[in-house]
Amino acid sequence: KIKSPLTTRFKIMAHLDISERRLPQDGRIRLKFSGRDIDFR
């Protein structure tokens, strides 16, 4: 039941097109964790 909303959440965080589900997409997330700057591809 959380398949779609969890996928959508990560796509929002990576600034991807949530309406596009047929093609691969690439994005980036930048977060802070315990004072460390971390990127996610």
PDB file of all heavy atoms in Angstrom:
ATOM      1  N   LYS A   1       0.813  -1.220   0.000  1.00  0.00           N
ATOM      2  CA  LYS A   1       0.000   0.000   0.000  1.00  0.00           C
ATOM      3  C   LYS A   1       0.845   1.269   0.000  1.00  0.00           C
ATOM      4  O   LYS A   1       0.369   2.328  -0.390  1.00  0.00           O
ATOM      5  CB  LYS A   1      -0.937   0.007   1.213  1.00  0.00           C
ATOM      6  CG  LYS A   1      -2.071  -0.988   1.105  1.00  0.00           C
ATOM      7  CD  LYS A   1      -3.090  -0.788   2.207  1.00  0.00           C
ATOM      8  CE  LYS A   1      -4.274  -1.741   2.029  1.00  0.00           C
ATOM      9  NZ  LYS A   1      -5.290  -1.549   3.087  1.00  0.00           N
ATOM     10  N   ILE A   2       2.104   1.164   0.466  1.00  0.00           N
ATOM     11  CA  ILE A   2       2.928   2.378   0.505  1.00  0.00           C
ATOM     12  C   ILE A   2       3.844   2.490  -0.711  1.00  0.00           C
ATOM     13  O   ILE A   2       4.654   3.399  -0.801  1.00  0.00           O
ATOM     14  CB  ILE A   2       3.770   2.440   1.792  1.00  0.00           C
ATOM     15  CG1 ILE A   2       4.823   1.327   1.790  1.00  0.00           C
ATOM     16  CG2 ILE A   2       2.909   2.362   3.025  1.00  0.00           C
ATOM     17  CD1 ILE A   2       5.871   1.533   2.844  1.00  0.00           C
ATOM     18  N   LYS A   3       3.704   1.543  -1.649  1.00  0.00           N
ATOM     19  CA  LYS A   3       4.566   1.515  -2.824  1.00  0.00           C
ATOM     20  C   LYS A   3       4.545   2.845  -3.580  1.00  0.00           C
ATOM     21  O   LYS A   3       5.574   3.477  -3.806  1.00  0.00           O
ATOM     22  CB  LYS A   3       4.119   0.375  -3.744  1.00  0.00           C
ATOM     23  CG  LYS A   3       5.059   0.083  -4.892  1.00  0.00           C
ATOM     24  CD  LYS A   3       4.460  -0.952  -5.838  1.00  0.00           C
ATOM     25  CE  LYS A   3       4.117  -2.246  -5.150  1.00  0.00           C
ATOM     26  NZ  LYS A   3       3.579  -3.255  -6.090  1.00  0.00           N
ATOM     27  N   SER A   4       3.352   3.295  -3.949  1.00  0.00           N
ATOM     28  CA  SER A   4       3.229   4.520  -4.738  1.00  0.00           C
ATOM     29  C   SER A   4       3.603   5.779  -3.951  1.00  0.00           C
ATOM     30  O   SER A   4       4.397   6.590  -4.417  1.00  0.00           O
ATOM     31  CB  SER A   4       1.804   4.634  -5.290  1.00  0.00           C
ATOM     32  OG  SER A   4       1.648   5.837  -6.013  1.00  0.00           O
ATOM     33  N   PRO A   5       3.067   5.970  -2.729  1.00  0.00           N
ATOM     34  CA  PRO A   5       3.439   7.182  -2.002  1.00  0.00           C
ATOM     35  C   PRO A   5       4.913   7.256  -1.621  1.00  0.00           C
ATOM     36  O   PRO A   5       5.502   8.337  -1.628  1.00  0.00           O
ATOM     37  CB  PRO A   5       2.551   7.150  -0.748  1.00  0.00           C
ATOM     38  CG  PRO A   5       1.939   5.816  -0.685  1.00  0.00           C
ATOM     39  CD  PRO A   5       1.965   5.250  -2.056  1.00  0.00           C
ATOM     40  N   LEU A   6       5.543   6.111  -1.322  1.00  0.00           N
ATOM     41  CA  LEU A   6       6.964   6.135  -0.967  1.00  0.00           C
ATOM     42  C   LEU A   6       7.806   6.507  -2.187  1.00  0.00           C
ATOM     43  O   LEU A   6       8.737   7.319  -2.090  1.00  0.00           O
ATOM     44  CB  LEU A   6       7.400   4.773  -0.419  1.00  0.00           C
ATOM     45  CG  LEU A   6       8.820   4.695   0.123  1.00  0.00           C
ATOM     46  CD1 LEU A   6       9.014   5.640   1.302  1.00  0.00           C
ATOM     47  CD2 LEU A   6       9.168   3.256   0.539  1.00  0.00           C
ATOM     48  N   THR A   7       7.456   5.920  -3.340  1.00  0.00           N
ATOM     49  CA  THR A   7       8.155   6.272  -4.580  1.00  0.00           C
ATOM     50  C   THR A   7       7.994   7.751  -4.881  1.00  0.00           C
ATOM     51  O   THR A   7       8.950   8.449  -5.229  1.00  0.00           O
ATOM     52  CB  THR A   7       7.610   5.433  -5.756  1.00  0.00           C
ATOM     53  OG1 THR A   7       7.825   4.054  -5.488  1.00  0.00           O
ATOM     54  CG2 THR A   7       8.283   5.805  -7.060  1.00  0.00           C
ATOM     55  N   THR A   8       6.764   8.239  -4.751  1.00  0.00           N
ATOM     56  CA  THR A   8       6.488   9.652  -5.010  1.00  0.00           C
ATOM     57  C   THR A   8       7.293  10.551  -4.079  1.00  0.00           C
ATOM     58  O   THR A   8       7.823  11.587  -4.497  1.00  0.00           O
ATOM     59  CB  THR A   8       4.981   9.940  -4.849  1.00  0.00           C
ATOM     60  OG1 THR A   8       4.258   9.104  -5.751  1.00  0.00           O
ATOM     61  CG2 THR A   8       4.665  11.391  -5.154  1.00  0.00           C
ATOM     62  N   ARG A   9       7.397  10.147  -2.810  1.00  0.00           N
ATOM     63  CA  ARG A   9       8.144  10.968  -1.847  1.00  0.00           C
ATOM     64  C   ARG A   9       9.601  11.124  -2.261  1.00  0.00           C
ATOM     65  O   ARG A   9      10.154  12.227  -2.264  1.00  0.00           O
ATOM     66  CB  ARG A   9       8.060  10.345  -0.447  1.00  0.00           C
ATOM     67  CG  ARG A   9       8.830  11.125   0.609  1.00  0.00           C
ATOM     68  CD  ARG A   9       8.305  12.545   0.718  1.00  0.00           C
ATOM     69  NE  ARG A   9       9.213  13.397   1.480  1.00  0.00           N
ATOM     70  CZ  ARG A   9       9.156  14.717   1.478  1.00  0.00           C
ATOM     71  NH1 ARG A   9       8.268  15.351   0.744  1.00  0.00           N
ATOM     72  NH2 ARG A   9       9.993  15.426   2.203  1.00  0.00           N
ATOM     73  N   PHE A  10      10.247  10.027  -2.643  1.00  0.00           N
ATOM     74  CA  PHE A  10      11.648  10.107  -3.051  1.00  0.00           C
ATOM     75  C   PHE A  10      11.803  10.921  -4.341  1.00  0.00           C
ATOM     76  O   PHE A  10      12.787  11.645  -4.511  1.00  0.00           O
ATOM     77  CB  PHE A  10      12.238   8.705  -3.235  1.00  0.00           C
ATOM     78  CG  PHE A  10      12.630   8.037  -1.941  1.00  0.00           C
ATOM     79  CD1 PHE A  10      12.031   6.857  -1.540  1.00  0.00           C
ATOM     80  CD2 PHE A  10      13.589   8.611  -1.117  1.00  0.00           C
ATOM     81  CE1 PHE A  10      12.391   6.249  -0.339  1.00  0.00           C
ATOM     82  CE2 PHE A  10      13.954   8.010   0.084  1.00  0.00           C
ATOM     83  CZ  PHE A  10      13.356   6.830   0.470  1.00  0.00           C
ATOM     84  N   LYS A  11      10.826  10.798  -5.243  1.00  0.00           N
ATOM     85  CA  LYS A  11      10.906  11.574  -6.484  1.00  0.00           C
ATOM     86  C   LYS A  11      10.749  13.069  -6.217  1.00  0.00           C
ATOM     87  O   LYS A  11      11.391  13.898  -6.867  1.00  0.00           O
ATOM     88  CB  LYS A  11       9.849  11.073  -7.486  1.00  0.00           C
ATOM     89  CG  LYS A  11      10.189   9.691  -8.028  1.00  0.00           C
ATOM     90  CD  LYS A  11       9.062   9.091  -8.849  1.00  0.00           C
ATOM     91  CE  LYS A  11       9.022   9.641 -10.244  1.00  0.00           C
ATOM     92  NZ  LYS A  11       8.044   8.924 -11.081  1.00  0.00           N
ATOM     93  N   ILE A  12       9.888  13.415  -5.256  1.00  0.00           N
ATOM     94  CA  ILE A  12       9.741  14.825  -4.876  1.00  0.00           C
ATOM     95  C   ILE A  12      11.052  15.354  -4.309  1.00  0.00           C
ATOM     96  O   ILE A  12      11.520  16.438  -4.658  1.00  0.00           O
ATOM     97  CB  ILE A  12       8.609  14.999  -3.839  1.00  0.00           C
ATOM     98  CG1 ILE A  12       7.247  14.766  -4.499  1.00  0.00           C
ATOM     99  CG2 ILE A  12       8.645  16.390  -3.210  1.00  0.00           C
ATOM    100  CD1 ILE A  12       6.110  14.662  -3.505  1.00  0.00           C
ATOM    101  N   MET A  13      11.662  14.575  -3.422  1.00  0.00           N
ATOM    102  CA  MET A  13      12.916  14.999  -2.806  1.00  0.00           C
ATOM    103  C   MET A  13      14.020  15.201  -3.847  1.00  0.00           C
ATOM    104  O   MET A  13      14.879  16.066  -3.693  1.00  0.00           O
ATOM    105  CB  MET A  13      13.362  13.966  -1.767  1.00  0.00           C
ATOM    106  CG  MET A  13      12.446  13.870  -0.559  1.00  0.00           C
ATOM    107  SD  MET A  13      12.876  12.480   0.530  1.00  0.00           S
ATOM    108  CE  MET A  13      14.371  13.099   1.301  1.00  0.00           C
ATOM    109  N   ALA A  14      13.991  14.402  -4.925  1.00  0.00           N
ATOM    110  CA  ALA A  14      15.014  14.482  -5.976  1.00  0.00           C
ATOM    111  C   ALA A  14      14.611  15.423  -7.104  1.00  0.00           C
ATOM    112  O   ALA A  14      15.323  15.520  -8.107  1.00  0.00           O
ATOM    113  CB  ALA A  14      15.290  13.092  -6.535  1.00  0.00           C
ATOM    114  N   HIS A  15      13.465  16.121  -6.942  1.00  0.00           N
ATOM    115  CA  HIS A  15      12.960  17.073  -7.945  1.00  0.00           C
ATOM    116  C   HIS A  15      12.742  16.402  -9.307  1.00  0.00           C
ATOM    117  O   HIS A  15      13.086  16.951 -10.357  1.00  0.00           O
ATOM    118  CB  HIS A  15      13.916  18.265  -8.090  1.00  0.00           C
ATOM    119  CG  HIS A  15      14.175  18.987  -6.802  1.00  0.00           C
ATOM    120  ND1 HIS A  15      13.253  19.833  -6.227  1.00  0.00           N
ATOM    121  CD2 HIS A  15      15.237  18.970  -5.963  1.00  0.00           C
ATOM    122  CE1 HIS A  15      13.756  20.316  -5.088  1.00  0.00           C
ATOM    123  NE2 HIS A  15      14.940  19.798  -4.907  1.00  0.00           N
ATOM    124  N   LEU A  16      12.172  15.202  -9.281  1.00  0.00           N
ATOM    125  CA  LEU A  16      11.867  14.482 -10.510  1.00  0.00           C
ATOM    126  C   LEU A  16      10.396  14.650 -10.854  1.00  0.00           C
ATOM    127  O   LEU A  16       9.582  15.085 -10.037  1.00  0.00           O
ATOM    128  CB  LEU A  16      12.193  12.991 -10.345  1.00  0.00           C
ATOM    129  CG  LEU A  16      13.653  12.647 -10.028  1.00  0.00           C
ATOM    130  CD1 LEU A  16      13.816  11.147  -9.837  1.00  0.00           C
ATOM    131  CD2 LEU A  16      14.584  13.143 -11.130  1.00  0.00           C
ATOM    132  N   ASP A  17      10.042  14.280 -12.079  1.00  0.00           N
ATOM    133  CA  ASP A  17       8.662  14.380 -12.562  1.00  0.00           C
ATOM    134  C   ASP A  17       7.867  13.183 -12.019  1.00  0.00           C
ATOM    135  O   ASP A  17       8.058  12.053 -12.465  1.00  0.00           O
ATOM    136  CB  ASP A  17       8.656  14.383 -14.093  1.00  0.00           C
ATOM    137  CG  ASP A  17       7.247  14.522 -14.670  1.00  0.00           C
ATOM    138  OD1 ASP A  17       6.271  14.576 -13.891  1.00  0.00           O
ATOM    139  OD2 ASP A  17       7.128  14.578 -15.910  1.00  0.00           O
ATOM    140  N   ILE A  18       6.976  13.440 -11.056  1.00  0.00           N
ATOM    141  CA  ILE A  18       6.243  12.335 -10.437  1.00  0.00           C
ATOM    142  C   ILE A  18       5.178  11.754 -11.363  1.00  0.00           C
ATOM    143  O   ILE A  18       4.674  10.652 -11.129  1.00  0.00           O
ATOM    144  CB  ILE A  18       5.598  12.755  -9.104  1.00  0.00           C
ATOM    145  CG1 ILE A  18       4.551  13.843  -9.324  1.00  0.00           C
ATOM    146  CG2 ILE A  18       6.643  13.196  -8.100  1.00  0.00           C
ATOM    147  CD1 ILE A  18       3.703  14.119  -8.107  1.00  0.00           C
ATOM    148  N   SER A  19       4.808  12.485 -12.421  1.00  0.00           N
ATOM    149  CA  SER A  19       3.791  11.976 -13.348  1.00  0.00           C
ATOM    150  C   SER A  19       4.395  11.043 -14.397  1.00  0.00           C
ATOM    151  O   SER A  19       3.677  10.317 -15.072  1.00  0.00           O
ATOM    152  CB  SER A  19       3.076  13.139 -14.038  1.00  0.00           C
ATOM    153  OG  SER A  19       3.972  13.853 -14.867  1.00  0.00           O
ATOM    154  N   GLU A  20       5.728  11.060 -14.534  1.00  0.00           N
ATOM    155  CA  GLU A  20       6.398  10.208 -15.513  1.00  0.00           C
ATOM    156  C   GLU A  20       6.834   8.913 -14.848  1.00  0.00           C
ATOM    157  O   GLU A  20       7.748   8.887 -14.024  1.00  0.00           O
ATOM    158  CB  GLU A  20       7.621  10.930 -16.101  1.00  0.00           C
ATOM    159  CG  GLU A  20       8.385  10.105 -17.128  1.00  0.00           C
ATOM    160  CD  GLU A  20       7.498   9.606 -18.257  1.00  0.00           C
ATOM    161  OE1 GLU A  20       7.161  10.413 -19.151  1.00  0.00           O
ATOM    162  OE2 GLU A  20       7.108   8.403 -18.215  1.00  0.00           O
ATOM    163  N   ARG A  21       6.131   7.825 -15.228  1.00  0.00           N
ATOM    164  CA  ARG A  21       6.438   6.529 -14.624  1.00  0.00           C
ATOM    165  C   ARG A  21       6.891   5.502 -15.651  1.00  0.00           C
ATOM    166  O   ARG A  21       7.155   4.361 -15.317  1.00  0.00           O
ATOM    167  CB  ARG A  21       5.203   5.992 -13.903  1.00  0.00           C
ATOM    168  CG  ARG A  21       4.727   6.899 -12.776  1.00  0.00           C
ATOM    169  CD  ARG A  21       3.455   6.384 -12.168  1.00  0.00           C
ATOM    170  NE  ARG A  21       2.984   7.283 -11.105  1.00  0.00           N
ATOM    171  CZ  ARG A  21       1.871   7.122 -10.441  1.00  0.00           C
ATOM    172  NH1 ARG A  21       1.093   6.083 -10.722  1.00  0.00           N
ATOM    173  NH2 ARG A  21       1.509   7.974  -9.496  1.00  0.00           N
ATOM    174  N   ARG A  22       6.982   5.926 -16.908  1.00  0.00           N
ATOM    175  CA  ARG A  22       7.315   4.973 -17.975  1.00  0.00           C
ATOM    176  C   ARG A  22       8.783   5.002 -18.349  1.00  0.00           C
ATOM    177  O   ARG A  22       9.290   4.064 -18.945  1.00  0.00           O
ATOM    178  CB  ARG A  22       6.480   5.288 -19.222  1.00  0.00           C
ATOM    179  CG  ARG A  22       4.973   5.224 -19.003  1.00  0.00           C
ATOM    180  CD  ARG A  22       4.255   5.936 -20.138  1.00  0.00           C
ATOM    181  NE  ARG A  22       4.648   7.351 -20.202  1.00  0.00           N
ATOM    182  CZ  ARG A  22       4.355   8.156 -21.204  1.00  0.00           C
ATOM    183  NH1 ARG A  22       3.667   7.708 -22.229  1.00  0.00           N
ATOM    184  NH2 ARG A  22       4.761   9.415 -21.179  1.00  0.00           N
ATOM    185  N   LEU A  23       9.483   6.098 -18.021  1.00  0.00           N
ATOM    186  CA  LEU A  23      10.878   6.269 -18.420  1.00  0.00           C
ATOM    187  C   LEU A  23      11.783   6.406 -17.198  1.00  0.00           C
ATOM    188  O   LEU A  23      11.361   6.923 -16.165  1.00  0.00           O
ATOM    189  CB  LEU A  23      11.024   7.517 -19.304  1.00  0.00           C
ATOM    190  CG  LEU A  23      10.294   7.501 -20.646  1.00  0.00           C
ATOM    191  CD1 LEU A  23      10.380   8.867 -21.303  1.00  0.00           C
ATOM    192  CD2 LEU A  23      10.881   6.432 -21.562  1.00  0.00           C
ATOM    193  N   PRO A  24      13.043   5.985 -17.328  1.00  0.00           N
ATOM    194  CA  PRO A  24      13.996   6.190 -16.226  1.00  0.00           C
ATOM    195  C   PRO A  24      14.256   7.687 -16.015  1.00  0.00           C
ATOM    196  O   PRO A  24      14.186   8.481 -16.968  1.00  0.00           O
ATOM    197  CB  PRO A  24      15.277   5.493 -16.718  1.00  0.00           C
ATOM    198  CG  PRO A  24      14.841   4.596 -17.828  1.00  0.00           C
ATOM    199  CD  PRO A  24      13.645   5.251 -18.452  1.00  0.00           C
ATOM    200  N   GLN A  25      14.553   8.057 -14.783  1.00  0.00           N
ATOM    201  CA  GLN A  25      14.885   9.445 -14.468  1.00  0.00           C
ATOM    202  C   GLN A  25      16.075   9.476 -13.520  1.00  0.00           C
ATOM    203  O   GLN A  25      16.319   8.526 -12.782  1.00  0.00           O
ATOM    204  CB  GLN A  25      13.706  10.163 -13.795  1.00  0.00           C
ATOM    205  CG  GLN A  25      12.476  10.323 -14.661  1.00  0.00           C
ATOM    206  CD  GLN A  25      11.425  11.173 -13.967  1.00  0.00           C
ATOM    207  OE1 GLN A  25      11.601  12.374 -13.781  1.00  0.00           O
ATOM    208  NE2 GLN A  25      10.321  10.551 -13.576  1.00  0.00           N
ATOM    209  N   ASP A  26      16.817  10.567 -13.568  1.00  0.00           N
ATOM    210  CA  ASP A  26      17.951  10.769 -12.676  1.00  0.00           C
ATOM    211  C   ASP A  26      17.811  12.101 -11.975  1.00  0.00           C
ATOM    212  O   ASP A  26      17.412  13.100 -12.601  1.00  0.00           O
ATOM    213  CB  ASP A  26      19.281  10.737 -13.443  1.00  0.00           C
ATOM    214  CG  ASP A  26      19.562   9.373 -14.043  1.00  0.00           C
ATOM    215  OD1 ASP A  26      19.629   8.404 -13.280  1.00  0.00           O
ATOM    216  OD2 ASP A  26      19.698   9.284 -15.286  1.00  0.00           O
ATOM    217  N   GLY A  27      18.122  12.123 -10.695  1.00  0.00           N
ATOM    218  CA  GLY A  27      18.031  13.361  -9.926  1.00  0.00           C
ATOM    219  C   GLY A  27      19.031  13.355  -8.787  1.00  0.00           C
ATOM    220  O   GLY A  27      19.875  12.457  -8.672  1.00  0.00           O
ATOM    221  N   ARG A  28      18.904  14.346  -7.932  1.00  0.00           N
ATOM    222  CA  ARG A  28      19.850  14.504  -6.822  1.00  0.00           C
ATOM    223  C   ARG A  28      19.124  15.027  -5.595  1.00  0.00           C
ATOM    224  O   ARG A  28      18.205  15.836  -5.711  1.00  0.00           O
ATOM    225  CB  ARG A  28      20.957  15.479  -7.229  1.00  0.00           C
ATOM    226  CG  ARG A  28      22.351  15.022  -6.835  1.00  0.00           C
ATOM    227  CD  ARG A  28      23.404  15.959  -7.392  1.00  0.00           C
ATOM    228  NE  ARG A  28      24.721  15.618  -6.890  1.00  0.00           N
ATOM    229  CZ  ARG A  28      25.614  14.911  -7.531  1.00  0.00           C
ATOM    230  NH1 ARG A  28      25.313  14.425  -8.716  1.00  0.00           N
ATOM    231  NH2 ARG A  28      26.795  14.644  -7.004  1.00  0.00           N
ATOM    232  N   ILE A  29      19.529  14.566  -4.426  1.00  0.00           N
ATOM    233  CA  ILE A  29      19.006  15.058  -3.153  1.00  0.00           C
ATOM    234  C   ILE A  29      20.192  15.558  -2.341  1.00  0.00           C
ATOM    235  O   ILE A  29      21.240  14.901  -2.282  1.00  0.00           O
ATOM    236  CB  ILE A  29      18.281  13.949  -2.357  1.00  0.00           C
ATOM    237  CG1 ILE A  29      17.103  13.368  -3.151  1.00  0.00           C
ATOM    238  CG2 ILE A  29      17.789  14.477  -1.013  1.00  0.00           C
ATOM    239  CD1 ILE A  29      16.475  12.137  -2.507  1.00  0.00           C
ATOM    240  N   ARG A  30      20.033  16.730  -1.746  1.00  0.00           N
ATOM    241  CA  ARG A  30      21.083  17.246  -0.858  1.00  0.00           C
ATOM    242  C   ARG A  30      20.494  17.397   0.539  1.00  0.00           C
ATOM    243  O   ARG A  30      19.503  18.099   0.717  1.00  0.00           O
ATOM    244  CB  ARG A  30      21.607  18.593  -1.359  1.00  0.00           C
ATOM    245  CG  ARG A  30      22.507  18.458  -2.572  1.00  0.00           C
ATOM    246  CD  ARG A  30      23.093  19.797  -3.001  1.00  0.00           C
ATOM    247  NE  ARG A  30      24.104  19.622  -4.011  1.00  0.00           N
ATOM    248  CZ  ARG A  30      23.850  19.533  -5.315  1.00  0.00           C
ATOM    249  NH1 ARG A  30      22.596  19.608  -5.724  1.00  0.00           N
ATOM    250  NH2 ARG A  30      24.824  19.368  -6.189  1.00  0.00           N
ATOM    251  N   LEU A  31      21.110  16.742   1.511  1.00  0.00           N
ATOM    252  CA  LEU A  31      20.621  16.752   2.888  1.00  0.00           C
ATOM    253  C   LEU A  31      21.737  17.066   3.871  1.00  0.00           C
ATOM    254  O   LEU A  31      22.910  17.005   3.532  1.00  0.00           O
ATOM    255  CB  LEU A  31      20.029  15.381   3.261  1.00  0.00           C
ATOM    256  CG  LEU A  31      18.951  14.783   2.374  1.00  0.00           C
ATOM    257  CD1 LEU A  31      18.549  13.424   2.904  1.00  0.00           C
ATOM    258  CD2 LEU A  31      17.741  15.689   2.323  1.00  0.00           C
ATOM    259  N   LYS A  32      21.304  17.412   5.087  1.00  0.00           N
ATOM    260  CA  LYS A  32      22.251  17.562   6.192  1.00  0.00           C
ATOM    261  C   LYS A  32      21.949  16.477   7.215  1.00  0.00           C
ATOM    262  O   LYS A  32      20.807  16.225   7.533  1.00  0.00           O
ATOM    263  CB  LYS A  32      22.070  18.939   6.848  1.00  0.00           C
ATOM    264  CG  LYS A  32      23.238  19.879   6.617  1.00  0.00           C
ATOM    265  CD  LYS A  32      23.099  21.101   7.503  1.00  0.00           C
ATOM    266  CE  LYS A  32      23.969  22.250   7.035  1.00  0.00           C
ATOM    267  NZ  LYS A  32      25.341  21.858   6.803  1.00  0.00           N
ATOM    268  N   PHE A  33      22.994  15.842   7.712  1.00  0.00           N
ATOM    269  CA  PHE A  33      22.815  14.796   8.713  1.00  0.00           C
ATOM    270  C   PHE A  33      23.931  14.938   9.740  1.00  0.00           C
ATOM    271  O   PHE A  33      25.109  14.796   9.418  1.00  0.00           O
ATOM    272  CB  PHE A  33      22.872  13.413   8.056  1.00  0.00           C
ATOM    273  CG  PHE A  33      22.794  12.264   9.022  1.00  0.00           C
ATOM    274  CD1 PHE A  33      21.579  11.883   9.559  1.00  0.00           C
ATOM    275  CD2 PHE A  33      23.933  11.563   9.393  1.00  0.00           C
ATOM    276  CE1 PHE A  33      21.497  10.829  10.444  1.00  0.00           C
ATOM    277  CE2 PHE A  33      23.861  10.510  10.278  1.00  0.00           C
ATOM    278  CZ  PHE A  33      22.640  10.144  10.806  1.00  0.00           C
ATOM    279  N   SER A  34      23.544  15.249  10.984  1.00  0.00           N
ATOM    280  CA  SER A  34      24.516  15.428  12.064  1.00  0.00           C
ATOM    281  C   SER A  34      25.641  16.375  11.674  1.00  0.00           C
ATOM    282  O   SER A  34      26.818  16.108  11.913  1.00  0.00           O
ATOM    283  CB  SER A  34      25.107  14.071  12.473  1.00  0.00           C
ATOM    284  OG  SER A  34      24.105  13.243  13.004  1.00  0.00           O
ATOM    285  N   GLY A  35      25.266  17.474  11.007  1.00  0.00           N
ATOM    286  CA  GLY A  35      26.243  18.485  10.636  1.00  0.00           C
ATOM    287  C   GLY A  35      27.027  18.170   9.380  1.00  0.00           C
ATOM    288  O   GLY A  35      27.887  18.950   8.957  1.00  0.00           O
ATOM    289  N   ARG A  36      26.746  17.005   8.755  1.00  0.00           N
ATOM    290  CA  ARG A  36      27.476  16.620   7.538  1.00  0.00           C
ATOM    291  C   ARG A  36      26.611  16.892   6.316  1.00  0.00           C
ATOM    292  O   ARG A  36      25.426  16.599   6.303  1.00  0.00           O
ATOM    293  CB  ARG A  36      27.808  15.125   7.577  1.00  0.00           C
ATOM    294  CG  ARG A  36      28.781  14.731   8.662  1.00  0.00           C
ATOM    295  CD  ARG A  36      28.442  13.393   9.307  1.00  0.00           C
ATOM    296  NE  ARG A  36      28.218  12.312   8.357  1.00  0.00           N
ATOM    297  CZ  ARG A  36      27.656  11.149   8.678  1.00  0.00           C
ATOM    298  NH1 ARG A  36      27.223  10.942   9.919  1.00  0.00           N
ATOM    299  NH2 ARG A  36      27.480  10.223   7.775  1.00  0.00           N
ATOM    300  N   ASP A  37      27.215  17.462   5.271  1.00  0.00           N
ATOM    301  CA  ASP A  37      26.526  17.670   3.998  1.00  0.00           C
ATOM    302  C   ASP A  37      26.644  16.392   3.179  1.00  0.00           C
ATOM    303  O   ASP A  37      27.748  15.922   2.902  1.00  0.00           O
ATOM    304  CB  ASP A  37      27.138  18.839   3.225  1.00  0.00           C
ATOM    305  CG  ASP A  37      26.863  20.166   3.898  1.00  0.00           C
ATOM    306  OD1 ASP A  37      25.721  20.362   4.346  1.00  0.00           O
ATOM    307  OD2 ASP A  37      27.784  21.001   3.983  1.00  0.00           O
ATOM    308  N   ILE A  38      25.489  15.851   2.780  1.00  0.00           N
ATOM    309  CA  ILE A  38      25.490  14.578   2.059  1.00  0.00           C
ATOM    310  C   ILE A  38      24.648  14.709   0.791  1.00  0.00           C
ATOM    311  O   ILE A  38      23.545  15.245   0.822  1.00  0.00           O
ATOM    312  CB  ILE A  38      24.946  13.436   2.945  1.00  0.00           C
ATOM    313  CG1 ILE A  38      25.815  13.301   4.199  1.00  0.00           C
ATOM    314  CG2 ILE A  38      24.923  12.118   2.182  1.00  0.00           C
ATOM    315  CD1 ILE A  38      25.284  12.336   5.220  1.00  0.00           C
ATOM    316  N   ASP A  39      25.184  14.227  -0.326  1.00  0.00           N
ATOM    317  CA  ASP A  39      24.462  14.183  -1.592  1.00  0.00           C
ATOM    318  C   ASP A  39      23.994  12.755  -1.865  1.00  0.00           C
ATOM    319  O   ASP A  39      24.671  11.789  -1.491  1.00  0.00           O
ATOM    320  CB  ASP A  39      25.360  14.628  -2.754  1.00  0.00           C
ATOM    321  CG  ASP A  39      25.459  16.141  -2.847  1.00  0.00           C
ATOM    322  OD1 ASP A  39      24.965  16.811  -1.931  1.00  0.00           O
ATOM    323  OD2 ASP A  39      26.037  16.632  -3.828  1.00  0.00           O
ATOM    324  N   PHE A  40      22.838  12.656  -2.508  1.00  0.00           N
ATOM    325  CA  PHE A  40      22.320  11.361  -2.936  1.00  0.00           C
ATOM    326  C   PHE A  40      22.063  11.448  -4.440  1.00  0.00           C
ATOM    327  O   PHE A  40      21.339  12.329  -4.899  1.00  0.00           O
ATOM    328  CB  PHE A  40      21.010  11.016  -2.235  1.00  0.00           C
ATOM    329  CG  PHE A  40      21.131  10.880  -0.743  1.00  0.00           C
ATOM    330  CD1 PHE A  40      21.166  12.004   0.070  1.00  0.00           C
ATOM    331  CD2 PHE A  40      21.209   9.636  -0.143  1.00  0.00           C
ATOM    332  CE1 PHE A  40      21.278  11.893   1.443  1.00  0.00           C
ATOM    333  CE2 PHE A  40      21.317   9.515   1.228  1.00  0.00           C
ATOM    334  CZ  PHE A  40      21.352  10.649   2.033  1.00  0.00           C
ATOM    335  N   ARG A  41      22.687  10.551  -5.202  1.00  0.00           N
ATOM    336  CA  ARG A  41      22.391  10.468  -6.629  1.00  0.00           C
ATOM    337  C   ARG A  41      21.237   9.490  -6.785  1.00  0.00           C
ATOM    338  O   ARG A  41      21.334   8.325  -6.377  1.00  0.00           O
ATOM    339  CB  ARG A  41      23.627   9.990  -7.391  1.00  0.00           C
ATOM    340  CG  ARG A  41      23.557  10.256  -8.885  1.00  0.00           C
ATOM    341  CD  ARG A  41      24.858   9.889  -9.552  1.00  0.00           C
ATOM    342  NE  ARG A  41      24.988   8.453  -9.711  1.00  0.00           N
ATOM    343  CZ  ARG A  41      26.120   7.784  -9.576  1.00  0.00           C
ATOM    344  NH1 ARG A  41      27.215   8.406  -9.240  1.00  0.00           N
ATOM    345  NH2 ARG A  41      26.157   6.480  -9.764  1.00  0.00           N
TER     346      ARG A  41
END
